[in-house]
Amino acid sequence: MAVKAKGKRKIIVKYKNYMWYVKSDDDSPYHILNVISDDKSLIVSCPIETETKYIISKGNVFQNKHTNGQWNRYLLPFSVPDIITPKFVADVIYWTTHGDNAEKTEWNGKDVPV
């Protein structure tokens, strides 16, 4: 089943289609960048205003490896801009699909809050 496109932007990275959008989080004061592949194998969320920059993998693939499909947090090796641009989204997608240097982190109740 395809991803609903209403309210989302399309982007193509390495010949694969993705949808992305930024939305405020219902459970925290942060805005979240959400990225979903057409086949829903890659589902990631990136809190924008957090002090510790990280991404949450929710799909069943991350950096070309199968995952357990649960929420896994990884530190981002680059900064998050104040304004989310298609170039930043493409960089996130490329890193989450072709990177290999993800450092896993766990929620500790303060600096990795979401």
PDB file of N, CA and C in Angstrom:
ATOM      1  N   MET A   1       0.852  -1.168   0.000  1.00  0.00           N
ATOM      2  CA  MET A   1       0.000   0.000   0.000  1.00  0.00           C
ATOM      3  C   MET A   1       0.901   1.236   0.000  1.00  0.00           C
ATOM      4  N   ALA A   2       0.566   2.203  -0.810  1.00  0.00           N
ATOM      5  CA  ALA A   2       1.368   3.421  -0.958  1.00  0.00           C
ATOM      6  C   ALA A   2       1.147   4.369   0.220  1.00  0.00           C
ATOM      7  N   VAL A   3       2.073   5.304   0.348  1.00  0.00           N
ATOM      8  CA  VAL A   3       2.001   6.315   1.396  1.00  0.00           C
ATOM      9  C   VAL A   3       1.080   7.436   0.924  1.00  0.00           C
ATOM     10  N   LYS A   4       0.187   7.913   1.781  1.00  0.00           N
ATOM     11  CA  LYS A   4      -0.687   9.019   1.421  1.00  0.00           C
ATOM     12  C   LYS A   4       0.141  10.276   1.213  1.00  0.00           C
ATOM     13  N   ALA A   5      -0.122  10.991   0.129  1.00  0.00           N
ATOM     14  CA  ALA A   5       0.697  12.141  -0.252  1.00  0.00           C
ATOM     15  C   ALA A   5       0.166  13.477   0.264  1.00  0.00           C
ATOM     16  N   LYS A   6      -1.049  13.517   0.757  1.00  0.00           N
ATOM     17  CA  LYS A   6      -1.629  14.786   1.187  1.00  0.00           C
ATOM     18  C   LYS A   6      -0.825  15.391   2.339  1.00  0.00           C
ATOM     19  N   GLY A   7      -0.369  16.628   2.147  1.00  0.00           N
ATOM     20  CA  GLY A   7       0.394  17.330   3.172  1.00  0.00           C
ATOM     21  C   GLY A   7       1.859  16.930   3.234  1.00  0.00           C
ATOM     22  N   LYS A   8       2.319  16.114   2.280  1.00  0.00           N
ATOM     23  CA  LYS A   8       3.703  15.653   2.268  1.00  0.00           C
ATOM     24  C   LYS A   8       4.387  16.092   0.972  1.00  0.00           C
ATOM     25  N   ARG A   9       5.709  16.165   1.012  1.00  0.00           N
ATOM     26  CA  ARG A   9       6.489  16.507  -0.174  1.00  0.00           C
ATOM     27  C   ARG A   9       7.175  15.261  -0.694  1.00  0.00           C
ATOM     28  N   LYS A  10       7.307  15.190  -2.003  1.00  0.00           N
ATOM     29  CA  LYS A  10       7.979  14.057  -2.640  1.00  0.00           C
ATOM     30  C   LYS A  10       9.436  14.408  -2.882  1.00  0.00           C
ATOM     31  N   ILE A  11      10.292  13.386  -2.803  1.00  0.00           N
ATOM     32  CA  ILE A  11      11.702  13.556  -3.139  1.00  0.00           C
ATOM     33  C   ILE A  11      12.201  12.220  -3.685  1.00  0.00           C
ATOM     34  N   ILE A  12      13.114  12.278  -4.639  1.00  0.00           N
ATOM     35  CA  ILE A  12      13.721  11.085  -5.218  1.00  0.00           C
ATOM     36  C   ILE A  12      15.206  11.109  -4.872  1.00  0.00           C
ATOM     37  N   VAL A  13      15.678  10.026  -4.268  1.00  0.00           N
ATOM     38  CA  VAL A  13      17.092   9.887  -3.919  1.00  0.00           C
ATOM     39  C   VAL A  13      17.556   8.537  -4.450  1.00  0.00           C
ATOM     40  N   LYS A  14      18.582   8.557  -5.298  1.00  0.00           N
ATOM     41  CA  LYS A  14      19.118   7.326  -5.905  1.00  0.00           C
ATOM     42  C   LYS A  14      18.005   6.506  -6.555  1.00  0.00           C
ATOM     43  N   TYR A  15      17.161   7.173  -7.324  1.00  0.00           N
ATOM     44  CA  TYR A  15      16.093   6.550  -8.115  1.00  0.00           C
ATOM     45  C   TYR A  15      14.988   5.912  -7.283  1.00  0.00           C
ATOM     46  N   LYS A  16      14.911   6.248  -6.007  1.00  0.00           N
ATOM     47  CA  LYS A  16      13.855   5.711  -5.155  1.00  0.00           C
ATOM     48  C   LYS A  16      13.006   6.862  -4.628  1.00  0.00           C
ATOM     49  N   ASN A  17      11.693   6.654  -4.554  1.00  0.00           N
ATOM     50  CA  ASN A  17      10.751   7.691  -4.122  1.00  0.00           C
ATOM     51  C   ASN A  17      10.548   7.670  -2.610  1.00  0.00           C
ATOM     52  N   TYR A  18      10.482   8.888  -2.052  1.00  0.00           N
ATOM     53  CA  TYR A  18      10.235   9.082  -0.628  1.00  0.00           C
ATOM     54  C   TYR A  18       9.244  10.223  -0.456  1.00  0.00           C
ATOM     55  N   MET A  19       8.583  10.234   0.699  1.00  0.00           N
ATOM     56  CA  MET A  19       7.724  11.343   1.098  1.00  0.00           C
ATOM     57  C   MET A  19       8.306  11.902   2.383  1.00  0.00           C
ATOM     58  N   TRP A  20       8.196  13.237   2.547  1.00  0.00           N
ATOM     59  CA  TRP A  20       8.696  13.833   3.784  1.00  0.00           C
ATOM     60  C   TRP A  20       7.804  14.992   4.198  1.00  0.00           C
ATOM     61  N   TYR A  21       7.798  15.252   5.491  1.00  0.00           N
ATOM     62  CA  TYR A  21       7.021  16.364   6.050  1.00  0.00           C
ATOM     63  C   TYR A  21       7.554  16.685   7.435  1.00  0.00           C
ATOM     64  N   VAL A  22       7.305  17.907   7.861  1.00  0.00           N
ATOM     65  CA  VAL A  22       7.675  18.342   9.210  1.00  0.00           C
ATOM     66  C   VAL A  22       6.387  18.620   9.962  1.00  0.00           C
ATOM     67  N   LYS A  23       6.309  18.105  11.180  1.00  0.00           N
ATOM     68  CA  LYS A  23       5.094  18.253  11.982  1.00  0.00           C
ATOM     69  C   LYS A  23       5.504  18.447  13.440  1.00  0.00           C
ATOM     70  N   SER A  24       4.728  19.231  14.171  1.00  0.00           N
ATOM     71  CA  SER A  24       5.007  19.359  15.602  1.00  0.00           C
ATOM     72  C   SER A  24       4.610  18.064  16.302  1.00  0.00           C
ATOM     73  N   ASP A  25       5.381  17.697  17.300  1.00  0.00           N
ATOM     74  CA  ASP A  25       5.145  16.465  18.040  1.00  0.00           C
ATOM     75  C   ASP A  25       4.064  16.701  19.086  1.00  0.00           C
ATOM     76  N   ASP A  26       3.127  15.783  19.182  1.00  0.00           N
ATOM     77  CA  ASP A  26       2.031  15.907  20.150  1.00  0.00           C
ATOM     78  C   ASP A  26       2.503  15.729  21.588  1.00  0.00           C
ATOM     79  N   ASP A  27       3.587  14.991  21.793  1.00  0.00           N
ATOM     80  CA  ASP A  27       4.044  14.653  23.140  1.00  0.00           C
ATOM     81  C   ASP A  27       5.262  15.443  23.613  1.00  0.00           C
ATOM     82  N   SER A  28       5.747  16.365  22.789  1.00  0.00           N
ATOM     83  CA  SER A  28       6.927  17.144  23.179  1.00  0.00           C
ATOM     84  C   SER A  28       6.852  18.525  22.511  1.00  0.00           C
ATOM     85  N   PRO A  29       7.745  19.430  22.881  1.00  0.00           N
ATOM     86  CA  PRO A  29       7.724  20.767  22.273  1.00  0.00           C
ATOM     87  C   PRO A  29       8.481  20.846  20.944  1.00  0.00           C
ATOM     88  N   TYR A  30       8.870  19.716  20.379  1.00  0.00           N
ATOM     89  CA  TYR A  30       9.715  19.697  19.189  1.00  0.00           C
ATOM     90  C   TYR A  30       8.931  19.551  17.893  1.00  0.00           C
ATOM     91  N   HIS A  31       9.572  19.984  16.821  1.00  0.00           N
ATOM     92  CA  HIS A  31       9.097  19.689  15.475  1.00  0.00           C
ATOM     93  C   HIS A  31       9.887  18.482  14.997  1.00  0.00           C
ATOM     94  N   ILE A  32       9.235  17.615  14.214  1.00  0.00           N
ATOM     95  CA  ILE A  32       9.844  16.369  13.786  1.00  0.00           C
ATOM     96  C   ILE A  32       9.823  16.291  12.266  1.00  0.00           C
ATOM     97  N   LEU A  33      10.997  16.019  11.672  1.00  0.00           N
ATOM     98  CA  LEU A  33      11.078  15.699  10.249  1.00  0.00           C
ATOM     99  C   LEU A  33      10.777  14.211  10.122  1.00  0.00           C
ATOM    100  N   ASN A  34       9.809  13.866   9.277  1.00  0.00           N
ATOM    101  CA  ASN A  34       9.441  12.474   9.043  1.00  0.00           C
ATOM    102  C   ASN A  34       9.716  12.131   7.590  1.00  0.00           C
ATOM    103  N   VAL A  35      10.331  10.979   7.346  1.00  0.00           N
ATOM    104  CA  VAL A  35      10.642  10.511   5.994  1.00  0.00           C
ATOM    105  C   VAL A  35      10.169   9.072   5.869  1.00  0.00           C
ATOM    106  N   ILE A  36       9.468   8.777   4.754  1.00  0.00           N
ATOM    107  CA  ILE A  36       8.918   7.443   4.527  1.00  0.00           C
ATOM    108  C   ILE A  36       9.195   7.046   3.088  1.00  0.00           C
ATOM    109  N   SER A  37       9.738   5.852   2.882  1.00  0.00           N
ATOM    110  CA  SER A  37       9.918   5.353   1.514  1.00  0.00           C
ATOM    111  C   SER A  37       8.579   4.856   0.989  1.00  0.00           C
ATOM    112  N   ASP A  38       8.455   4.799  -0.347  1.00  0.00           N
ATOM    113  CA  ASP A  38       7.204   4.341  -0.952  1.00  0.00           C
ATOM    114  C   ASP A  38       6.794   2.950  -0.476  1.00  0.00           C
ATOM    115  N   ASP A  39       7.773   2.074  -0.287  1.00  0.00           N
ATOM    116  CA  ASP A  39       7.460   0.713   0.155  1.00  0.00           C
ATOM    117  C   ASP A  39       7.410   0.581   1.680  1.00  0.00           C
ATOM    118  N   LYS A  40       7.592   1.691   2.386  1.00  0.00           N
ATOM    119  CA  LYS A  40       7.539   1.773   3.850  1.00  0.00           C
ATOM    120  C   LYS A  40       8.619   0.948   4.550  1.00  0.00           C
ATOM    121  N   SER A  41       9.666   0.571   3.835  1.00  0.00           N
ATOM    122  CA  SER A  41      10.760  -0.148   4.486  1.00  0.00           C
ATOM    123  C   SER A  41      11.608   0.814   5.308  1.00  0.00           C
ATOM    124  N   LEU A  42      11.733   2.058   4.834  1.00  0.00           N
ATOM    125  CA  LEU A  42      12.459   3.083   5.579  1.00  0.00           C
ATOM    126  C   LEU A  42      11.453   4.071   6.151  1.00  0.00           C
ATOM    127  N   ILE A  43      11.413   4.169   7.458  1.00  0.00           N
ATOM    128  CA  ILE A  43      10.589   5.154   8.149  1.00  0.00           C
ATOM    129  C   ILE A  43      11.481   5.755   9.223  1.00  0.00           C
ATOM    130  N   VAL A  44      11.794   7.052   9.090  1.00  0.00           N
ATOM    131  CA  VAL A  44      12.649   7.716  10.067  1.00  0.00           C
ATOM    132  C   VAL A  44      12.039   9.034  10.502  1.00  0.00           C
ATOM    133  N   SER A  45      12.346   9.424  11.711  1.00  0.00           N
ATOM    134  CA  SER A  45      11.927  10.703  12.272  1.00  0.00           C
ATOM    135  C   SER A  45      13.150  11.379  12.859  1.00  0.00           C
ATOM    136  N   CYS A  46      13.225  12.695  12.666  1.00  0.00           N
ATOM    137  CA  CYS A  46      14.381  13.459  13.150  1.00  0.00           C
ATOM    138  C   CYS A  46      13.879  14.676  13.917  1.00  0.00           C
ATOM    139  N   PRO A  47      13.992  14.678  15.254  1.00  0.00           N
ATOM    140  CA  PRO A  47      13.621  15.862  16.026  1.00  0.00           C
ATOM    141  C   PRO A  47      14.533  17.020  15.640  1.00  0.00           C
ATOM    142  N   ILE A  48      13.949  18.200  15.432  1.00  0.00           N
ATOM    143  CA  ILE A  48      14.712  19.317  14.879  1.00  0.00           C
ATOM    144  C   ILE A  48      15.380  20.175  15.939  1.00  0.00           C
ATOM    145  N   GLU A  49      14.718  20.511  17.016  1.00  0.00           N
ATOM    146  CA  GLU A  49      15.255  21.487  17.966  1.00  0.00           C
ATOM    147  C   GLU A  49      15.968  20.877  19.165  1.00  0.00           C
ATOM    148  N   THR A  50      16.280  19.611  19.144  1.00  0.00           N
ATOM    149  CA  THR A  50      16.922  18.989  20.300  1.00  0.00           C
ATOM    150  C   THR A  50      18.405  19.350  20.374  1.00  0.00           C
ATOM    151  N   GLU A  51      18.935  19.327  21.579  1.00  0.00           N
ATOM    152  CA  GLU A  51      20.354  19.627  21.769  1.00  0.00           C
ATOM    153  C   GLU A  51      21.214  18.511  21.186  1.00  0.00           C
ATOM    154  N   THR A  52      20.863  17.266  21.454  1.00  0.00           N
ATOM    155  CA  THR A  52      21.550  16.120  20.883  1.00  0.00           C
ATOM    156  C   THR A  52      20.872  15.794  19.559  1.00  0.00           C
ATOM    157  N   LYS A  53      21.630  15.797  18.474  1.00  0.00           N
ATOM    158  CA  LYS A  53      21.071  15.543  17.141  1.00  0.00           C
ATOM    159  C   LYS A  53      21.041  14.042  16.880  1.00  0.00           C
ATOM    160  N   TYR A  54      19.854  13.521  16.633  1.00  0.00           N
ATOM    161  CA  TYR A  54      19.696  12.094  16.414  1.00  0.00           C
ATOM    162  C   TYR A  54      18.516  11.833  15.498  1.00  0.00           C
ATOM    163  N   ILE A  55      18.404  10.585  15.074  1.00  0.00           N
ATOM    164  CA  ILE A  55      17.309  10.171  14.203  1.00  0.00           C
ATOM    165  C   ILE A  55      16.713   8.893  14.789  1.00  0.00           C
ATOM    166  N   ILE A  56      15.421   8.708  14.584  1.00  0.00           N
ATOM    167  CA  ILE A  56      14.729   7.514  15.066  1.00  0.00           C
ATOM    168  C   ILE A  56      14.354   6.670  13.858  1.00  0.00           C
ATOM    169  N   SER A  57      14.819   5.446  13.822  1.00  0.00           N
ATOM    170  CA  SER A  57      14.456   4.514  12.762  1.00  0.00           C
ATOM    171  C   SER A  57      13.260   3.702  13.239  1.00  0.00           C
ATOM    172  N   LYS A  58      12.190   3.705  12.432  1.00  0.00           N
ATOM    173  CA  LYS A  58      10.969   2.986  12.806  1.00  0.00           C
ATOM    174  C   LYS A  58      10.631   1.890  11.803  1.00  0.00           C
ATOM    175  N   GLY A  59      11.339   1.858  10.684  1.00  0.00           N
ATOM    176  CA  GLY A  59      11.061   0.875   9.643  1.00  0.00           C
ATOM    177  C   GLY A  59      11.814  -0.416   9.876  1.00  0.00           C
ATOM    178  N   ASN A  60      11.859  -1.256   8.840  1.00  0.00           N
ATOM    179  CA  ASN A  60      12.555  -2.532   8.992  1.00  0.00           C
ATOM    180  C   ASN A  60      13.897  -2.571   8.262  1.00  0.00           C
ATOM    181  N   VAL A  61      14.356  -1.386   7.745  1.00  0.00           N
ATOM    182  CA  VAL A  61      15.674  -1.284   7.121  1.00  0.00           C
ATOM    183  C   VAL A  61      16.314   0.018   7.565  1.00  0.00           C
ATOM    184  N   PHE A  62      17.608  -0.057   7.924  1.00  0.00           N
ATOM    185  CA  PHE A  62      18.377   1.135   8.261  1.00  0.00           C
ATOM    186  C   PHE A  62      19.813   0.884   7.853  1.00  0.00           C
ATOM    187  N   GLN A  63      20.364   1.780   7.058  1.00  0.00           N
ATOM    188  CA  GLN A  63      21.719   1.672   6.516  1.00  0.00           C
ATOM    189  C   GLN A  63      21.947   0.303   5.879  1.00  0.00           C
ATOM    190  N   ASN A  64      21.010  -0.095   5.038  1.00  0.00           N
ATOM    191  CA  ASN A  64      21.065  -1.346   4.267  1.00  0.00           C
ATOM    192  C   ASN A  64      21.099  -2.607   5.123  1.00  0.00           C
ATOM    193  N   LYS A  65      20.632  -2.514   6.349  1.00  0.00           N
ATOM    194  CA  LYS A  65      20.550  -3.683   7.219  1.00  0.00           C
ATOM    195  C   LYS A  65      19.115  -3.812   7.725  1.00  0.00           C
ATOM    196  N   HIS A  66      18.652  -5.037   7.829  1.00  0.00           N
ATOM    197  CA  HIS A  66      17.320  -5.263   8.371  1.00  0.00           C
ATOM    198  C   HIS A  66      17.340  -4.999   9.868  1.00  0.00           C
ATOM    199  N   THR A  67      16.265  -4.365  10.351  1.00  0.00           N
ATOM    200  CA  THR A  67      16.143  -4.058  11.767  1.00  0.00           C
ATOM    201  C   THR A  67      14.938  -4.789  12.345  1.00  0.00           C
ATOM    202  N   ASN A  68      14.725  -4.620  13.629  1.00  0.00           N
ATOM    203  CA  ASN A  68      13.607  -5.287  14.297  1.00  0.00           C
ATOM    204  C   ASN A  68      12.287  -4.534  14.139  1.00  0.00           C
ATOM    205  N   GLY A  69      12.304  -3.369  13.469  1.00  0.00           N
ATOM    206  CA  GLY A  69      11.080  -2.607  13.252  1.00  0.00           C
ATOM    207  C   GLY A  69      10.654  -1.778  14.447  1.00  0.00           C
ATOM    208  N   GLN A  70      11.389  -1.884  15.559  1.00  0.00           N
ATOM    209  CA  GLN A  70      11.094  -1.076  16.736  1.00  0.00           C
ATOM    210  C   GLN A  70      11.826   0.253  16.628  1.00  0.00           C
ATOM    211  N   TRP A  71      11.506   1.188  17.504  1.00  0.00           N
ATOM    212  CA  TRP A  71      12.170   2.481  17.510  1.00  0.00           C
ATOM    213  C   TRP A  71      13.623   2.306  17.947  1.00  0.00           C
ATOM    214  N   ASN A  72      14.535   2.652  17.057  1.00  0.00           N
ATOM    215  CA  ASN A  72      15.964   2.644  17.360  1.00  0.00           C
ATOM    216  C   ASN A  72      16.496   4.042  17.091  1.00  0.00           C
ATOM    217  N   ARG A  73      17.260   4.580  18.040  1.00  0.00           N
ATOM    218  CA  ARG A  73      17.797   5.936  17.917  1.00  0.00           C
ATOM    219  C   ARG A  73      19.279   5.877  17.559  1.00  0.00           C
ATOM    220  N   TYR A  74      19.667   6.766  16.610  1.00  0.00           N
ATOM    221  CA  TYR A  74      21.050   6.837  16.171  1.00  0.00           C
ATOM    222  C   TYR A  74      21.488   8.300  16.155  1.00  0.00           C
ATOM    223  N   LEU A  75      22.701   8.563  16.625  1.00  0.00           N
ATOM    224  CA  LEU A  75      23.236   9.919  16.599  1.00  0.00           C
ATOM    225  C   LEU A  75      23.519  10.323  15.159  1.00  0.00           C
ATOM    226  N   LEU A  76      23.161  11.548  14.819  1.00  0.00           N
ATOM    227  CA  LEU A  76      23.441  12.062  13.474  1.00  0.00           C
ATOM    228  C   LEU A  76      24.885  12.544  13.411  1.00  0.00           C
ATOM    229  N   PRO A  77      25.610  12.225  12.342  1.00  0.00           N
ATOM    230  CA  PRO A  77      26.994  12.682  12.216  1.00  0.00           C
ATOM    231  C   PRO A  77      27.101  14.079  11.611  1.00  0.00           C
ATOM    232  N   PHE A  78      25.982  14.759  11.437  1.00  0.00           N
ATOM    233  CA  PHE A  78      25.967  16.113  10.891  1.00  0.00           C
ATOM    234  C   PHE A  78      24.898  16.923  11.601  1.00  0.00           C
ATOM    235  N   SER A  79      24.962  18.232  11.458  1.00  0.00           N
ATOM    236  CA  SER A  79      24.033  19.108  12.178  1.00  0.00           C
ATOM    237  C   SER A  79      22.686  19.209  11.459  1.00  0.00           C
ATOM    238  N   VAL A  80      21.687  19.615  12.209  1.00  0.00           N
ATOM    239  CA  VAL A  80      20.338  19.820  11.684  1.00  0.00           C
ATOM    240  C   VAL A  80      20.124  21.317  11.528  1.00  0.00           C
ATOM    241  N   PRO A  81      19.781  21.785  10.322  1.00  0.00           N
ATOM    242  CA  PRO A  81      19.587  23.227  10.130  1.00  0.00           C
ATOM    243  C   PRO A  81      18.292  23.714  10.779  1.00  0.00           C
ATOM    244  N   ASP A  82      18.201  25.026  10.973  1.00  0.00           N
ATOM    245  CA  ASP A  82      16.976  25.611  11.534  1.00  0.00           C
ATOM    246  C   ASP A  82      15.807  25.491  10.563  1.00  0.00           C
ATOM    247  N   ILE A  83      16.107  25.570   9.270  1.00  0.00           N
ATOM    248  CA  ILE A  83      15.084  25.446   8.231  1.00  0.00           C
ATOM    249  C   ILE A  83      15.366  24.175   7.443  1.00  0.00           C
ATOM    250  N   ILE A  84      14.394  23.287   7.376  1.00  0.00           N
ATOM    251  CA  ILE A  84      14.564  22.013   6.686  1.00  0.00           C
ATOM    252  C   ILE A  84      14.393  22.221   5.185  1.00  0.00           C
ATOM    253  N   THR A  85      15.414  21.852   4.430  1.00  0.00           N
ATOM    254  CA  THR A  85      15.407  22.009   2.974  1.00  0.00           C
ATOM    255  C   THR A  85      15.407  20.630   2.312  1.00  0.00           C
ATOM    256  N   PRO A  86      15.020  20.569   1.038  1.00  0.00           N
ATOM    257  CA  PRO A  86      15.098  19.287   0.333  1.00  0.00           C
ATOM    258  C   PRO A  86      16.521  18.708   0.305  1.00  0.00           C
ATOM    259  N   LYS A  87      17.536  19.561   0.260  1.00  0.00           N
ATOM    260  CA  LYS A  87      18.917  19.065   0.275  1.00  0.00           C
ATOM    261  C   LYS A  87      19.220  18.353   1.594  1.00  0.00           C
ATOM    262  N   PHE A  88      18.787  18.931   2.708  1.00  0.00           N
ATOM    263  CA  PHE A  88      19.005  18.274   4.003  1.00  0.00           C
ATOM    264  C   PHE A  88      18.254  16.943   4.047  1.00  0.00           C
ATOM    265  N   VAL A  89      17.016  16.927   3.562  1.00  0.00           N
ATOM    266  CA  VAL A  89      16.226  15.691   3.548  1.00  0.00           C
ATOM    267  C   VAL A  89      16.937  14.635   2.701  1.00  0.00           C
ATOM    268  N   ALA A  90      17.465  15.030   1.546  1.00  0.00           N
ATOM    269  CA  ALA A  90      18.204  14.095   0.694  1.00  0.00           C
ATOM    270  C   ALA A  90      19.444  13.570   1.405  1.00  0.00           C
ATOM    271  N   ASP A  91      20.146  14.434   2.143  1.00  0.00           N
ATOM    272  CA  ASP A  91      21.321  14.008   2.904  1.00  0.00           C
ATOM    273  C   ASP A  91      20.937  12.983   3.973  1.00  0.00           C
ATOM    274  N   VAL A  92      19.828  13.234   4.663  1.00  0.00           N
ATOM    275  CA  VAL A  92      19.345  12.294   5.691  1.00  0.00           C
ATOM    276  C   VAL A  92      19.004  10.957   5.042  1.00  0.00           C
ATOM    277  N   ILE A  93      18.291  10.997   3.931  1.00  0.00           N
ATOM    278  CA  ILE A  93      17.895   9.755   3.249  1.00  0.00           C
ATOM    279  C   ILE A  93      19.134   8.986   2.797  1.00  0.00           C
ATOM    280  N   TYR A  94      20.082   9.690   2.201  1.00  0.00           N
ATOM    281  CA  TYR A  94      21.285   9.014   1.722  1.00  0.00           C
ATOM    282  C   TYR A  94      22.042   8.370   2.888  1.00  0.00           C
ATOM    283  N   TRP A  95      22.177   9.087   3.998  1.00  0.00           N
ATOM    284  CA  TRP A  95      22.886   8.537   5.152  1.00  0.00           C
ATOM    285  C   TRP A  95      22.143   7.337   5.735  1.00  0.00           C
ATOM    286  N   THR A  96      20.806   7.406   5.801  1.00  0.00           N
ATOM    287  CA  THR A  96      20.045   6.303   6.396  1.00  0.00           C
ATOM    288  C   THR A  96      19.963   5.091   5.475  1.00  0.00           C
ATOM    289  N   THR A  97      20.213   5.282   4.179  1.00  0.00           N
ATOM    290  CA  THR A  97      20.142   4.153   3.252  1.00  0.00           C
ATOM    291  C   THR A  97      21.511   3.631   2.829  1.00  0.00           C
ATOM    292  N   HIS A  98      22.516   4.503   2.727  1.00  0.00           N
ATOM    293  CA  HIS A  98      23.820   4.091   2.212  1.00  0.00           C
ATOM    294  C   HIS A  98      24.958   4.260   3.212  1.00  0.00           C
ATOM    295  N   GLY A  99      24.701   4.878   4.351  1.00  0.00           N
ATOM    296  CA  GLY A  99      25.750   5.067   5.347  1.00  0.00           C
ATOM    297  C   GLY A  99      26.076   3.765   6.058  1.00  0.00           C
ATOM    298  N   ASP A 100      27.131   3.806   6.865  1.00  0.00           N
ATOM    299  CA  ASP A 100      27.485   2.616   7.625  1.00  0.00           C
ATOM    300  C   ASP A 100      28.116   2.970   8.970  1.00  0.00           C
ATOM    301  N   ASN A 101      27.966   4.224   9.377  1.00  0.00           N
ATOM    302  CA  ASN A 101      28.635   4.670  10.591  1.00  0.00           C
ATOM    303  C   ASN A 101      27.662   5.088  11.692  1.00  0.00           C
ATOM    304  N   ALA A 102      26.487   4.496  11.725  1.00  0.00           N
ATOM    305  CA  ALA A 102      25.483   4.887  12.714  1.00  0.00           C
ATOM    306  C   ALA A 102      25.895   4.459  14.115  1.00  0.00           C
ATOM    307  N   GLU A 103      25.833   5.396  15.042  1.00  0.00           N
ATOM    308  CA  GLU A 103      26.124   5.118  16.443  1.00  0.00           C
ATOM    309  C   GLU A 103      24.810   5.101  17.204  1.00  0.00           C
ATOM    310  N   LYS A 104      24.447   3.931  17.708  1.00  0.00           N
ATOM    311  CA  LYS A 104      23.170   3.771  18.400  1.00  0.00           C
ATOM    312  C   LYS A 104      23.206   4.485  19.749  1.00  0.00           C
ATOM    313  N   THR A 105      22.079   5.067  20.136  1.00  0.00           N
ATOM    314  CA  THR A 105      21.947   5.719  21.433  1.00  0.00           C
ATOM    315  C   THR A 105      20.609   5.316  22.042  1.00  0.00           C
ATOM    316  N   GLU A 106      20.485   5.479  23.313  1.00  0.00           N
ATOM    317  CA  GLU A 106      19.253   5.126  24.020  1.00  0.00           C
ATOM    318  C   GLU A 106      18.653   6.357  24.663  1.00  0.00           C
ATOM    319  N   TRP A 107      17.354   6.365  24.843  1.00  0.00           N
ATOM    320  CA  TRP A 107      16.673   7.453  25.527  1.00  0.00           C
ATOM    321  C   TRP A 107      17.077   7.424  26.989  1.00  0.00           C
ATOM    322  N   ASN A 108      17.515   8.574  27.498  1.00  0.00           N
ATOM    323  CA  ASN A 108      17.959   8.620  28.894  1.00  0.00           C
ATOM    324  C   ASN A 108      17.109   9.583  29.728  1.00  0.00           C
ATOM    325  N   GLY A 109      16.048  10.105  29.149  1.00  0.00           N
ATOM    326  CA  GLY A 109      15.147  10.948  29.910  1.00  0.00           C
ATOM    327  C   GLY A 109      15.456  12.426  29.894  1.00  0.00           C
ATOM    328  N   LYS A 110      16.588  12.834  29.284  1.00  0.00           N
ATOM    329  CA  LYS A 110      16.880  14.264  29.269  1.00  0.00           C
ATOM    330  C   LYS A 110      17.395  14.747  27.921  1.00  0.00           C
ATOM    331  N   ASP A 111      18.569  14.302  27.426  1.00  0.00           N
ATOM    332  CA  ASP A 111      19.088  14.905  26.208  1.00  0.00           C
ATOM    333  C   ASP A 111      18.731  14.133  24.938  1.00  0.00           C
ATOM    334  N   VAL A 112      18.087  12.999  25.034  1.00  0.00           N
ATOM    335  CA  VAL A 112      17.523  12.294  23.888  1.00  0.00           C
ATOM    336  C   VAL A 112      16.064  12.023  24.245  1.00  0.00           C
ATOM    337  N   PRO A 113      15.216  13.068  24.173  1.00  0.00           N
ATOM    338  CA  PRO A 113      13.900  13.010  24.782  1.00  0.00           C
ATOM    339  C   PRO A 113      12.801  12.320  24.016  1.00  0.00           C
ATOM    340  N   VAL A 114      12.798  12.329  22.718  1.00  0.00           N
ATOM    341  CA  VAL A 114      11.631  11.848  21.981  1.00  0.00           C
ATOM    342  C   VAL A 114      11.738  10.369  21.712  1.00  0.00           C
TER     343      VAL A 114
END
